C-alpha atoms as a PDB file:
ATOM      1  CA  UNK A   1     -92.919 103.978 -24.798  1.00  0.00           C
ATOM      2  CA  UNK A   2     -89.814 102.806 -23.073  1.00  0.00           C
ATOM      3  CA  UNK A   3     -88.141  99.412 -23.268  1.00  0.00           C
ATOM      4  CA  UNK A   4     -88.212  97.182 -20.022  1.00  0.00           C
ATOM      5  CA  UNK A   5     -84.594  96.429 -18.840  1.00  0.00           C
ATOM      6  CA  UNK A   6     -83.783  92.988 -19.040  1.00  0.00           C
ATOM      7  CA  UNK A   7     -84.309  90.756 -15.934  1.00  0.00           C
ATOM      8  CA  UNK A   8     -80.352  89.756 -15.949  1.00  0.00           C
ATOM      9  CA  UNK A   9     -79.731  91.102 -12.747  1.00  0.00           C
ATOM     10  CA  UNK A  10     -77.576  90.999 -10.819  1.00  0.00           C
ATOM     11  CA  UNK A  11     -74.916  91.495 -13.090  1.00  0.00           C
ATOM     12  CA  UNK A  12     -71.306  90.523 -12.495  1.00  0.00           C
ATOM     13  CA  UNK A  13     -70.293  94.427 -12.060  1.00  0.00           C
ATOM     14  CA  UNK A  14     -73.164  94.728  -9.387  1.00  0.00           C
ATOM     15  CA  UNK A  15     -71.858  91.621  -7.725  1.00  0.00           C
ATOM     16  CA  UNK A  16     -68.392  93.330  -7.565  1.00  0.00           C
ATOM     17  CA  UNK A  17     -69.487  96.224  -6.425  1.00  0.00           C
ATOM     18  CA  UNK A  18     -71.776  94.664  -3.546  1.00  0.00           C
ATOM     19  CA  UNK A  19     -68.922  92.499  -2.670  1.00  0.00           C
ATOM     20  CA  UNK A  20     -66.624  95.448  -2.347  1.00  0.00           C
ATOM     21  CA  UNK A  21     -69.074  97.570  -0.357  1.00  0.00           C
ATOM     22  CA  UNK A  22     -69.323  94.762   2.377  1.00  0.00           C
ATOM     23  CA  UNK A  23     -65.625  94.448   2.464  1.00  0.00           C
ATOM     24  CA  UNK A  24     -65.122  97.959   3.093  1.00  0.00           C
ATOM     25  CA  UNK A  25     -68.023  98.245   5.541  1.00  0.00           C
ATOM     26  CA  UNK A  26     -66.059  95.347   7.421  1.00  0.00           C
ATOM     27  CA  UNK A  27     -68.554  92.478   7.023  1.00  0.00           C
ATOM     28  CA  UNK A  28     -67.298  89.116   7.536  1.00  0.00           C
ATOM     29  CA  UNK A  29     -66.241  87.173   4.387  1.00  0.00           C
ATOM     30  CA  UNK A  30     -67.074  83.782   3.585  1.00  0.00           C
ATOM     31  CA  UNK A  31     -64.099  81.911   1.813  1.00  0.00           C
ATOM     32  CA  UNK A  32     -65.331  78.916  -0.136  1.00  0.00           C
ATOM     33  CA  UNK A  33     -62.679  76.385  -0.861  1.00  0.00           C
ATOM     34  CA  UNK A  34     -63.352  75.983  -4.554  1.00  0.00           C
ATOM     35  CA  UNK A  35     -60.898  73.044  -5.117  1.00  0.00           C
ATOM     36  CA  UNK A  36     -62.355  70.720  -2.272  1.00  0.00           C
ATOM     37  CA  UNK A  37     -66.104  71.930  -3.632  1.00  0.00           C
ATOM     38  CA  UNK A  38     -65.192  70.636  -7.172  1.00  0.00           C
ATOM     39  CA  UNK A  39     -63.603  67.522  -5.731  1.00  0.00           C
ATOM     40  CA  UNK A  40     -66.209  66.745  -3.432  1.00  0.00           C
ATOM     41  CA  UNK A  41     -69.398  67.719  -4.934  1.00  0.00           C
ATOM     42  CA  UNK A  42     -69.146  68.647  -8.617  1.00  0.00           C
ATOM     43  CA  UNK A  43     -67.020  65.737  -9.745  1.00  0.00           C
ATOM     44  CA  UNK A  44     -69.209  62.957  -7.962  1.00  0.00           C
ATOM     45  CA  UNK A  45     -72.106  64.305  -9.342  1.00  0.00           C
ATOM     46  CA  UNK A  46     -71.037  64.653 -12.683  1.00  0.00           C
ATOM     47  CA  UNK A  47     -69.811  60.794 -12.773  1.00  0.00           C
ATOM     48  CA  UNK A  48     -73.093  59.707 -11.200  1.00  0.00           C
ATOM     49  CA  UNK A  49     -75.157  61.390 -13.708  1.00  0.00           C
ATOM     50  CA  UNK A  50     -73.053  60.301 -16.608  1.00  0.00           C
ATOM     51  CA  UNK A  51     -73.277  56.489 -15.275  1.00  0.00           C
ATOM     52  CA  UNK A  52     -77.147  56.977 -14.884  1.00  0.00           C
ATOM     53  CA  UNK A  53     -77.520  58.217 -18.464  1.00  0.00           C
ATOM     54  CA  UNK A  54     -75.070  55.592 -19.942  1.00  0.00           C
ATOM     55  CA  UNK A  55     -77.211  52.797 -18.438  1.00  0.00           C
ATOM     56  CA  UNK A  56     -80.476  54.248 -19.148  1.00  0.00           C
ATOM     57  CA  UNK A  57     -79.139  55.024 -23.068  1.00  0.00           C
ATOM     58  CA  UNK A  58     -80.432  51.773 -24.334  1.00  0.00           C
ATOM     59  CA  UNK A  59     -83.713  51.737 -22.888  1.00  0.00           C
ATOM     60  CA  UNK A  60     -84.327  55.217 -23.903  1.00  0.00           C
ATOM     61  CA  UNK A  61     -83.183  54.431 -27.384  1.00  0.00           C
ATOM     62  CA  UNK A  62     -85.959  51.644 -27.574  1.00  0.00           C
ATOM     63  CA  UNK A  63     -88.780  53.893 -26.543  1.00  0.00           C
ATOM     64  CA  UNK A  64     -90.757  55.461 -29.644  1.00  0.00           C
ATOM     65  CA  UNK A  65     -90.562  59.253 -30.037  1.00  0.00           C
ATOM     66  CA  UNK A  66     -93.769  61.093 -29.212  1.00  0.00           C
ATOM     67  CA  UNK A  67     -95.659  62.428 -32.449  1.00  0.00           C
ATOM     68  CA  UNK A  68     -98.157  65.522 -31.957  1.00  0.00           C
ATOM     69  CA  UNK A  69    -101.108  64.805 -33.787  1.00  0.00           C
END
């Protein structure tokens, strides 16, 4: 009986291979300015989520834990 392969596809190596093939084939490339993305998307979302959790923390601490019967 053969073991099934892990469902972890695509691997970083296969992504690199795919990108190389597309580049050699002359496909247009998309350049993402990672600094702008981090500054304009990731940082504000992180700060927003942190603020929400800090505001909700006292309320969440008052709720009793659920118990399975």
